Amino acid sequence: MSTLTLDRFLKLEETKPASEYACGEAFQKPMPTGPHSAIQLFLGVVLYHFLERAGIGRAFPELRCIFGQPGHERTYVPDLVVVGSQHLPVRRHLLAPPDLAIEILSPDQDWPHFLDKIQFYLLHGVRLVWVFDPATSTVTIEAPGQEGRILRPGDTLDGGEVLPGFSVPVADIFAQIEG
């Protein structure tokens, strides 16, 4: 049985929700839920305003990112990404790792595939990963070579070295799913 190549994958018809490509296989992302969409929109707006003022990059929802070692590239579609000015403008796809990848968990998330994706991000140039879990109202912060951190309502999410000066209360993020 032959595996799917990246070139063949990129010629396939787009799916909704988007499909991703890793290790010769295509995987369709889970369908977003109401809480997922509310968090994604809120973060997109907050990041847009911050980045507009800071002038250090742009935020994109559902942007296809193609990166990895030559011949072993993967294509992922994070829920949101921040792309530094050095990689702008972005045309059809981002052909580099994003500076920040944001993932929002869905109830039917495929855990082995999801954990592999996060590991790939951290090993291939993504400088910061935020994983939001609407079910537990937690944010997991991951960065290459650092121990992960978990934030809860009462904590403040900051952008570290990737987004210096950015902060938002975790409670404000998860308040979006209440109404």
Protein backbone atom coordinates (compact mmCIF):
# COMPACT_ATOMS: atom_id res chain seq x y z
CA MET A 1 0.00 0.00 0.00
CA SER A 2 1.49 3.36 -1.02
CA THR A 3 1.54 6.33 1.29
CA LEU A 4 0.22 9.73 0.39
CA THR A 5 2.88 12.27 -0.57
CA LEU A 6 2.79 15.88 0.57
CA ASP A 7 2.43 17.04 -3.05
CA ARG A 8 -0.56 14.73 -3.62
CA PHE A 9 -2.09 15.79 -0.29
CA LEU A 10 -1.86 19.48 -1.23
CA LYS A 11 -3.70 18.76 -4.49
CA LEU A 12 -6.64 17.12 -2.70
CA GLU A 13 -9.88 19.03 -2.35
CA GLU A 14 -10.06 21.02 0.90
CA THR A 15 -12.21 19.55 3.64
CA LYS A 16 -14.23 21.26 6.37
CA PRO A 17 -12.92 21.04 8.97
CA ALA A 18 -9.46 21.05 7.46
CA SER A 19 -7.34 17.97 6.97
CA GLU A 20 -3.74 17.74 8.10
CA TYR A 21 -0.88 15.64 6.75
CA ALA A 22 1.75 13.69 8.68
CA CYS A 23 3.83 10.60 7.94
CA GLY A 24 2.15 9.83 4.61
CA GLU A 25 -1.41 10.05 5.97
CA ALA A 26 -4.20 12.63 5.98
CA PHE A 27 -6.13 13.30 9.18
CA GLN A 28 -9.26 15.42 9.39
CA LYS A 29 -9.40 17.81 12.33
CA PRO A 30 -12.36 17.41 14.70
CA MET A 31 -15.41 19.59 14.07
CA PRO A 32 -15.23 22.66 16.34
CA THR A 33 -17.79 23.01 19.11
CA GLY A 34 -19.42 26.19 20.43
CA PRO A 35 -16.86 26.62 23.25
CA HIS A 36 -14.01 26.00 20.79
CA SER A 37 -15.30 28.65 18.38
CA ALA A 38 -15.94 31.20 21.15
CA ILE A 39 -12.39 30.85 22.49
CA GLN A 40 -10.91 30.96 18.98
CA LEU A 41 -12.75 34.17 18.09
CA PHE A 42 -11.92 35.88 21.39
CA LEU A 43 -8.21 35.03 21.12
CA GLY A 44 -8.13 36.09 17.49
CA VAL A 45 -9.55 39.52 18.35
CA VAL A 46 -7.27 40.01 21.38
CA LEU A 47 -4.19 38.94 19.42
CA TYR A 48 -5.15 41.08 16.43
CA HIS A 49 -5.33 44.22 18.55
CA PHE A 50 -2.09 43.41 20.41
CA LEU A 51 -0.15 42.65 17.23
CA GLU A 52 -1.53 45.73 15.48
CA ARG A 53 -0.11 47.92 18.27
CA ALA A 54 3.15 45.97 18.71
CA GLY A 55 3.93 45.65 14.99
CA ILE A 56 5.69 42.29 15.46
CA GLY A 57 3.54 40.02 13.30
CA ARG A 58 0.02 38.90 12.52
CA ALA A 59 -2.47 36.34 13.79
CA PHE A 60 -4.25 33.95 11.44
CA PRO A 61 -7.07 31.48 12.15
CA GLU A 62 -6.91 28.06 10.50
CA LEU A 63 -3.77 28.81 8.45
CA ARG A 64 -2.13 25.82 6.80
CA CYS A 65 1.50 25.60 7.96
CA ILE A 66 3.96 23.41 6.05
CA PHE A 67 7.28 22.79 7.78
CA GLY A 68 9.71 20.17 9.01
CA GLN A 69 12.91 18.60 7.76
CA PRO A 70 13.15 18.51 3.95
CA GLY A 71 11.48 15.37 2.68
CA HIS A 72 9.68 14.90 6.01
CA GLU A 73 7.53 18.03 6.07
CA ARG A 74 4.12 17.94 7.64
CA THR A 75 1.18 20.23 7.17
CA TYR A 76 -0.90 21.28 10.14
CA VAL A 77 -3.75 23.77 10.53
CA PRO A 78 -3.62 25.12 14.08
CA ASP A 79 -6.72 26.85 15.38
CA LEU A 80 -4.75 30.11 15.49
CA VAL A 81 -1.16 31.03 14.73
CA VAL A 82 1.01 34.06 15.22
CA VAL A 83 3.47 34.65 12.42
CA GLY A 84 6.39 37.00 13.01
CA SER A 85 7.04 39.89 10.64
CA GLN A 86 10.02 38.06 9.10
CA HIS A 87 7.60 35.53 7.50
CA LEU A 88 5.08 38.07 6.18
CA PRO A 89 3.26 38.36 3.92
CA VAL A 90 1.66 34.93 3.93
CA ARG A 91 0.06 33.95 0.65
CA ARG A 92 -1.66 30.58 0.33
CA HIS A 93 0.20 28.67 3.08
CA LEU A 94 2.86 29.42 5.66
CA LEU A 95 6.00 27.61 4.51
CA ALA A 96 7.67 27.84 7.92
CA PRO A 97 6.77 27.04 11.51
CA PRO A 98 4.59 29.68 13.16
CA ASP A 99 6.07 31.51 16.14
CA LEU A 100 3.00 30.63 18.23
CA ALA A 101 0.60 27.75 17.57
CA ILE A 102 -2.71 27.74 19.42
CA GLU A 103 -4.80 24.59 19.70
CA ILE A 104 -8.23 24.32 21.32
CA LEU A 105 -9.20 20.81 22.37
CA SER A 106 -12.36 19.21 21.10
CA PRO A 107 -14.24 16.46 22.97
CA ASP A 108 -13.50 13.92 20.22
CA GLN A 109 -9.81 14.80 19.87
CA ASP A 110 -7.62 11.92 18.63
CA TRP A 111 -5.06 11.94 21.47
CA PRO A 112 -2.17 10.03 19.87
CA HIS A 113 -2.36 12.24 16.75
CA PHE A 114 -2.75 15.42 18.84
CA LEU A 115 0.22 14.65 21.11
CA ASP A 116 2.36 13.80 18.08
CA LYS A 117 1.40 17.15 16.54
CA ILE A 118 2.42 19.10 19.66
CA GLN A 119 5.72 17.20 19.84
CA PHE A 120 6.36 17.96 16.17
CA TYR A 121 5.68 21.67 16.77
CA LEU A 122 8.19 21.78 19.62
CA LEU A 123 10.89 19.88 17.73
CA HIS A 124 10.56 21.78 14.44
CA GLY A 125 10.69 25.48 15.16
CA VAL A 126 7.43 26.52 16.82
CA ARG A 127 8.60 28.78 19.64
CA LEU A 128 5.46 28.65 21.80
CA VAL A 129 2.36 26.43 21.97
CA TRP A 130 -0.83 27.20 23.87
CA VAL A 131 -3.35 24.37 24.33
CA PHE A 132 -6.78 25.41 25.62
CA ASP A 133 -9.05 22.82 27.22
CA PRO A 134 -12.63 24.14 27.51
CA ALA A 135 -13.66 21.07 29.57
CA THR A 136 -11.23 21.91 32.40
CA SER A 137 -10.79 25.67 31.83
CA THR A 138 -7.02 25.20 31.62
CA VAL A 139 -4.29 26.44 29.32
CA THR A 140 -1.16 24.36 28.86
CA ILE A 141 1.90 26.34 27.83
CA GLU A 142 4.67 24.47 26.00
CA ALA A 143 7.98 25.79 24.68
CA PRO A 144 11.00 23.89 23.34
CA GLY A 145 13.40 22.83 26.08
CA GLN A 146 11.15 24.02 28.90
CA GLU A 147 8.85 22.25 31.29
CA GLY A 148 5.17 22.71 30.46
CA ARG A 149 2.98 24.92 32.63
CA ILE A 150 -0.75 24.73 33.30
CA LEU A 151 -2.75 27.90 33.90
CA ARG A 152 -6.23 28.13 35.39
CA PRO A 153 -8.76 30.92 35.96
CA GLY A 154 -7.06 33.30 38.40
CA ASP A 155 -3.80 33.09 36.39
CA THR A 156 -2.71 35.39 33.58
CA LEU A 157 -1.57 34.12 30.20
CA ASP A 158 1.42 36.03 28.86
CA GLY A 159 3.30 35.87 25.57
CA GLY A 160 6.77 35.36 27.03
CA GLU A 161 9.61 36.08 24.64
CA VAL A 162 7.42 35.41 21.60
CA LEU A 163 4.86 38.14 22.38
CA PRO A 164 6.57 40.49 24.85
CA GLY A 165 4.03 42.66 26.64
CA PHE A 166 1.01 40.47 25.82
CA SER A 167 -1.21 39.30 28.67
CA VAL A 168 -4.81 38.28 29.19
CA PRO A 169 -6.52 36.83 32.28
CA VAL A 170 -7.30 33.14 31.81
CA ALA A 171 -10.72 33.76 33.37
CA ASP A 172 -11.54 36.23 30.57
CA ILE A 173 -10.77 33.59 27.95
CA PHE A 174 -12.98 30.91 29.46
CA ALA A 175 -15.74 33.43 30.27
CA GLN A 176 -16.41 33.37 26.51
CA ILE A 177 -17.97 29.92 26.76
CA GLU A 178 -20.43 30.99 29.45
CA GLY A 179 -22.46 33.23 27.23
